[in-house]
């Protein structure tokens, strides 16, 4: 279950680290690395982008199967991008 609030600076930092790690993966991971980075940039700028959040949702589900922590991180970003979970400064 997603937290009711999440720390925006921490979320952005963790998304950027995940994006870099994904670049070392296979084709699927490299494809999503760009979108994870974009999510970090938009969240840092305070932009709600529901379409990006919806695009990343299947990746979050897939990632959770092998890497629960990273999958939860992406799922949290999706919820923040969609305005479902408020982020704190």
N, C-alpha and C. Protein backbone atom coordinates (compact mmCIF):
# COMPACT_ATOMS: atom_id res chain seq x y z
N UNK A 1 0.84 -1.18 0.00
CA UNK A 1 0.00 0.00 0.00
C UNK A 1 0.89 1.25 0.00
N UNK A 2 0.48 2.23 -0.74
CA UNK A 2 1.25 3.46 -0.84
C UNK A 2 1.08 4.30 0.43
N UNK A 3 2.12 5.02 0.77
CA UNK A 3 2.04 5.92 1.91
C UNK A 3 1.08 7.04 1.57
N UNK A 4 0.53 7.65 2.60
CA UNK A 4 -0.38 8.77 2.37
C UNK A 4 0.36 10.00 1.89
N UNK A 5 1.61 10.14 2.29
CA UNK A 5 2.46 11.25 1.85
C UNK A 5 3.84 10.68 1.58
N UNK A 6 4.57 11.33 0.71
CA UNK A 6 5.93 10.89 0.44
C UNK A 6 6.83 12.11 0.35
N UNK A 7 8.07 11.95 0.72
CA UNK A 7 9.03 13.04 0.68
C UNK A 7 9.49 13.25 -0.76
N UNK A 8 9.18 14.39 -1.32
CA UNK A 8 9.51 14.65 -2.72
C UNK A 8 11.01 14.63 -3.00
N UNK A 9 11.85 15.30 -2.20
CA UNK A 9 13.29 15.26 -2.51
C UNK A 9 13.85 13.83 -2.49
N UNK A 10 13.41 13.03 -1.54
CA UNK A 10 13.87 11.65 -1.46
C UNK A 10 13.37 10.84 -2.65
N UNK A 11 12.12 11.00 -3.01
CA UNK A 11 11.55 10.28 -4.16
C UNK A 11 12.30 10.63 -5.45
N UNK A 12 12.55 11.90 -5.66
CA UNK A 12 13.25 12.35 -6.86
C UNK A 12 14.66 11.76 -6.91
N UNK A 13 15.37 11.81 -5.79
CA UNK A 13 16.73 11.25 -5.74
C UNK A 13 16.72 9.76 -6.04
N UNK A 14 15.80 9.04 -5.42
CA UNK A 14 15.74 7.59 -5.63
C UNK A 14 15.34 7.25 -7.07
N UNK A 15 14.46 8.04 -7.67
CA UNK A 15 14.09 7.80 -9.07
C UNK A 15 15.28 8.02 -9.99
N UNK A 16 16.07 9.05 -9.72
CA UNK A 16 17.25 9.31 -10.55
C UNK A 16 18.27 8.18 -10.43
N UNK A 17 18.46 7.68 -9.21
CA UNK A 17 19.38 6.55 -9.01
C UNK A 17 18.86 5.31 -9.73
N UNK A 18 17.57 5.07 -9.66
CA UNK A 18 16.97 3.92 -10.34
C UNK A 18 17.12 4.05 -11.85
N UNK A 19 16.93 5.25 -12.36
CA UNK A 19 17.08 5.48 -13.80
C UNK A 19 18.48 5.11 -14.27
N UNK A 20 19.48 5.52 -13.51
CA UNK A 20 20.87 5.17 -13.86
C UNK A 20 21.10 3.67 -13.80
N UNK A 21 20.54 3.03 -12.80
CA UNK A 21 20.69 1.57 -12.67
C UNK A 21 20.01 0.85 -13.83
N UNK A 22 18.86 1.36 -14.26
CA UNK A 22 18.12 0.72 -15.36
C UNK A 22 18.90 0.79 -16.67
N UNK A 23 19.73 1.80 -16.83
CA UNK A 23 20.52 1.93 -18.06
C UNK A 23 21.49 0.77 -18.23
N UNK A 24 21.81 0.09 -17.14
CA UNK A 24 22.70 -1.06 -17.21
C UNK A 24 21.97 -2.37 -17.46
N UNK A 25 20.65 -2.30 -17.61
CA UNK A 25 19.85 -3.51 -17.81
C UNK A 25 19.65 -3.83 -19.27
N UNK A 26 18.64 -4.63 -19.51
CA UNK A 26 18.31 -5.04 -20.88
C UNK A 26 17.54 -3.97 -21.63
N UNK A 27 17.07 -4.32 -22.79
CA UNK A 27 16.35 -3.38 -23.66
C UNK A 27 15.12 -2.79 -22.97
N UNK A 28 14.36 -3.64 -22.30
CA UNK A 28 13.14 -3.20 -21.61
C UNK A 28 13.48 -2.18 -20.53
N UNK A 29 14.49 -2.49 -19.73
CA UNK A 29 14.88 -1.59 -18.65
C UNK A 29 15.43 -0.26 -19.19
N UNK A 30 16.23 -0.35 -20.24
CA UNK A 30 16.79 0.88 -20.84
C UNK A 30 15.69 1.77 -21.39
N UNK A 31 14.67 1.16 -21.98
CA UNK A 31 13.53 1.93 -22.51
C UNK A 31 12.87 2.73 -21.39
N UNK A 32 12.62 2.07 -20.27
CA UNK A 32 11.93 2.75 -19.18
C UNK A 32 12.82 3.69 -18.38
N UNK A 33 14.14 3.55 -18.47
CA UNK A 33 15.05 4.44 -17.75
C UNK A 33 14.76 5.90 -18.09
N UNK A 34 14.52 6.18 -19.37
CA UNK A 34 14.22 7.55 -19.82
C UNK A 34 12.95 8.07 -19.14
N UNK A 35 11.93 7.23 -19.05
CA UNK A 35 10.66 7.67 -18.48
C UNK A 35 10.73 7.81 -16.97
N UNK A 36 11.55 7.00 -16.32
CA UNK A 36 11.75 7.15 -14.88
C UNK A 36 12.47 8.48 -14.62
N UNK A 37 13.46 8.81 -15.44
CA UNK A 37 14.16 10.09 -15.31
C UNK A 37 13.20 11.26 -15.55
N UNK A 38 12.35 11.11 -16.55
CA UNK A 38 11.37 12.17 -16.85
C UNK A 38 10.40 12.34 -15.68
N UNK A 39 10.01 11.24 -15.05
CA UNK A 39 9.13 11.32 -13.88
C UNK A 39 9.82 12.10 -12.76
N UNK A 40 11.10 11.82 -12.53
CA UNK A 40 11.85 12.55 -11.50
C UNK A 40 11.89 14.04 -11.81
N UNK A 41 12.16 14.38 -13.06
CA UNK A 41 12.23 15.80 -13.45
C UNK A 41 10.89 16.50 -13.26
N UNK A 42 9.81 15.84 -13.66
CA UNK A 42 8.48 16.46 -13.56
C UNK A 42 8.03 16.58 -12.11
N UNK A 43 8.31 15.57 -11.31
CA UNK A 43 7.96 15.65 -9.90
C UNK A 43 8.74 16.76 -9.21
N UNK A 44 10.01 16.88 -9.55
CA UNK A 44 10.83 17.95 -8.96
C UNK A 44 10.30 19.32 -9.33
N UNK A 45 9.77 19.45 -10.55
CA UNK A 45 9.22 20.72 -11.02
C UNK A 45 7.78 20.95 -10.55
N UNK A 46 7.21 19.95 -9.87
CA UNK A 46 5.83 20.09 -9.38
C UNK A 46 4.77 19.89 -10.44
N UNK A 47 5.11 19.18 -11.50
CA UNK A 47 4.18 18.95 -12.61
C UNK A 47 3.44 17.64 -12.39
N UNK A 48 2.11 17.68 -12.46
CA UNK A 48 1.32 16.46 -12.44
C UNK A 48 1.13 16.03 -13.88
N UNK A 49 1.53 14.82 -14.18
CA UNK A 49 1.44 14.29 -15.55
C UNK A 49 0.79 12.92 -15.50
N UNK A 50 -0.53 12.93 -15.51
CA UNK A 50 -1.30 11.69 -15.38
C UNK A 50 -0.94 10.68 -16.46
N UNK A 51 -0.71 11.13 -17.68
CA UNK A 51 -0.40 10.20 -18.77
C UNK A 51 0.94 9.50 -18.54
N UNK A 52 1.93 10.20 -18.02
CA UNK A 52 3.22 9.58 -17.70
C UNK A 52 3.05 8.57 -16.57
N UNK A 53 2.29 8.93 -15.57
CA UNK A 53 2.01 8.02 -14.46
C UNK A 53 1.33 6.75 -14.94
N UNK A 54 0.35 6.90 -15.83
CA UNK A 54 -0.35 5.74 -16.37
C UNK A 54 0.57 4.90 -17.24
N UNK A 55 1.47 5.53 -17.97
CA UNK A 55 2.41 4.81 -18.83
C UNK A 55 3.38 3.97 -17.99
N UNK A 56 3.79 4.50 -16.84
CA UNK A 56 4.75 3.81 -16.00
C UNK A 56 4.13 2.71 -15.12
N UNK A 57 2.80 2.70 -14.97
CA UNK A 57 2.16 1.73 -14.09
C UNK A 57 2.48 0.27 -14.45
N UNK A 58 2.38 -0.15 -15.71
CA UNK A 58 2.71 -1.55 -16.03
C UNK A 58 4.18 -1.88 -15.72
N UNK A 59 5.07 -0.91 -15.91
CA UNK A 59 6.47 -1.12 -15.59
C UNK A 59 6.64 -1.31 -14.09
N UNK A 60 5.92 -0.50 -13.30
CA UNK A 60 5.99 -0.64 -11.84
C UNK A 60 5.54 -2.04 -11.42
N UNK A 61 4.47 -2.52 -12.02
CA UNK A 61 3.97 -3.86 -11.70
C UNK A 61 4.99 -4.92 -12.09
N UNK A 62 5.58 -4.79 -13.26
CA UNK A 62 6.58 -5.75 -13.73
C UNK A 62 7.80 -5.73 -12.82
N UNK A 63 8.25 -4.53 -12.48
CA UNK A 63 9.45 -4.37 -11.66
C UNK A 63 9.25 -4.93 -10.26
N UNK A 64 8.04 -4.80 -9.74
CA UNK A 64 7.74 -5.28 -8.39
C UNK A 64 7.93 -6.79 -8.26
N UNK A 65 7.73 -7.52 -9.35
CA UNK A 65 7.87 -8.98 -9.31
C UNK A 65 9.27 -9.40 -8.90
N UNK A 66 10.29 -8.69 -9.35
CA UNK A 66 11.67 -9.03 -9.03
C UNK A 66 12.31 -8.10 -8.01
N UNK A 67 11.86 -6.87 -8.00
CA UNK A 67 12.49 -5.85 -7.15
C UNK A 67 11.38 -5.04 -6.47
N UNK A 68 10.87 -5.56 -5.36
CA UNK A 68 9.72 -4.94 -4.71
C UNK A 68 9.96 -3.47 -4.34
N UNK A 69 11.14 -3.18 -3.82
CA UNK A 69 11.43 -1.80 -3.39
C UNK A 69 11.41 -0.85 -4.57
N UNK A 70 12.06 -1.22 -5.65
CA UNK A 70 12.11 -0.37 -6.83
C UNK A 70 10.73 -0.26 -7.49
N UNK A 71 9.99 -1.35 -7.51
CA UNK A 71 8.63 -1.32 -8.07
C UNK A 71 7.73 -0.40 -7.27
N UNK A 72 7.86 -0.45 -5.94
CA UNK A 72 7.08 0.44 -5.07
C UNK A 72 7.47 1.90 -5.32
N UNK A 73 8.74 2.13 -5.53
CA UNK A 73 9.22 3.49 -5.81
C UNK A 73 8.55 4.04 -7.08
N UNK A 74 8.54 3.24 -8.14
CA UNK A 74 7.92 3.68 -9.40
C UNK A 74 6.41 3.83 -9.21
N UNK A 75 5.78 2.92 -8.46
CA UNK A 75 4.34 3.02 -8.21
C UNK A 75 4.01 4.30 -7.44
N UNK A 76 4.87 4.67 -6.49
CA UNK A 76 4.68 5.91 -5.74
C UNK A 76 4.79 7.11 -6.67
N UNK A 77 5.77 7.07 -7.56
CA UNK A 77 5.92 8.16 -8.54
C UNK A 77 4.67 8.26 -9.41
N UNK A 78 4.13 7.13 -9.84
CA UNK A 78 2.91 7.12 -10.66
C UNK A 78 1.76 7.80 -9.91
N UNK A 79 1.61 7.44 -8.62
CA UNK A 79 0.55 8.02 -7.82
C UNK A 79 0.74 9.53 -7.64
N UNK A 80 1.97 9.96 -7.43
CA UNK A 80 2.25 11.39 -7.29
C UNK A 80 1.98 12.13 -8.60
N UNK A 81 2.40 11.54 -9.71
CA UNK A 81 2.18 12.17 -11.01
C UNK A 81 0.70 12.32 -11.32
N UNK A 82 -0.09 11.38 -10.82
CA UNK A 82 -1.54 11.39 -11.06
C UNK A 82 -2.28 12.22 -10.01
N UNK A 83 -1.56 12.74 -9.03
CA UNK A 83 -2.19 13.55 -7.99
C UNK A 83 -2.90 12.73 -6.94
N UNK A 84 -2.68 11.41 -6.91
CA UNK A 84 -3.34 10.54 -5.95
C UNK A 84 -2.66 10.56 -4.59
N UNK A 85 -1.37 10.82 -4.56
CA UNK A 85 -0.59 10.86 -3.32
C UNK A 85 0.12 12.21 -3.26
N UNK A 86 -0.20 13.02 -2.28
CA UNK A 86 0.52 14.31 -2.17
C UNK A 86 1.94 14.10 -1.70
N UNK A 87 2.83 14.87 -2.23
CA UNK A 87 4.23 14.81 -1.83
C UNK A 87 4.53 15.99 -0.92
N UNK A 88 5.46 15.80 -0.03
CA UNK A 88 5.86 16.86 0.88
C UNK A 88 7.25 17.36 0.50
N UNK A 89 7.52 18.58 0.88
CA UNK A 89 8.83 19.17 0.58
C UNK A 89 9.91 18.56 1.40
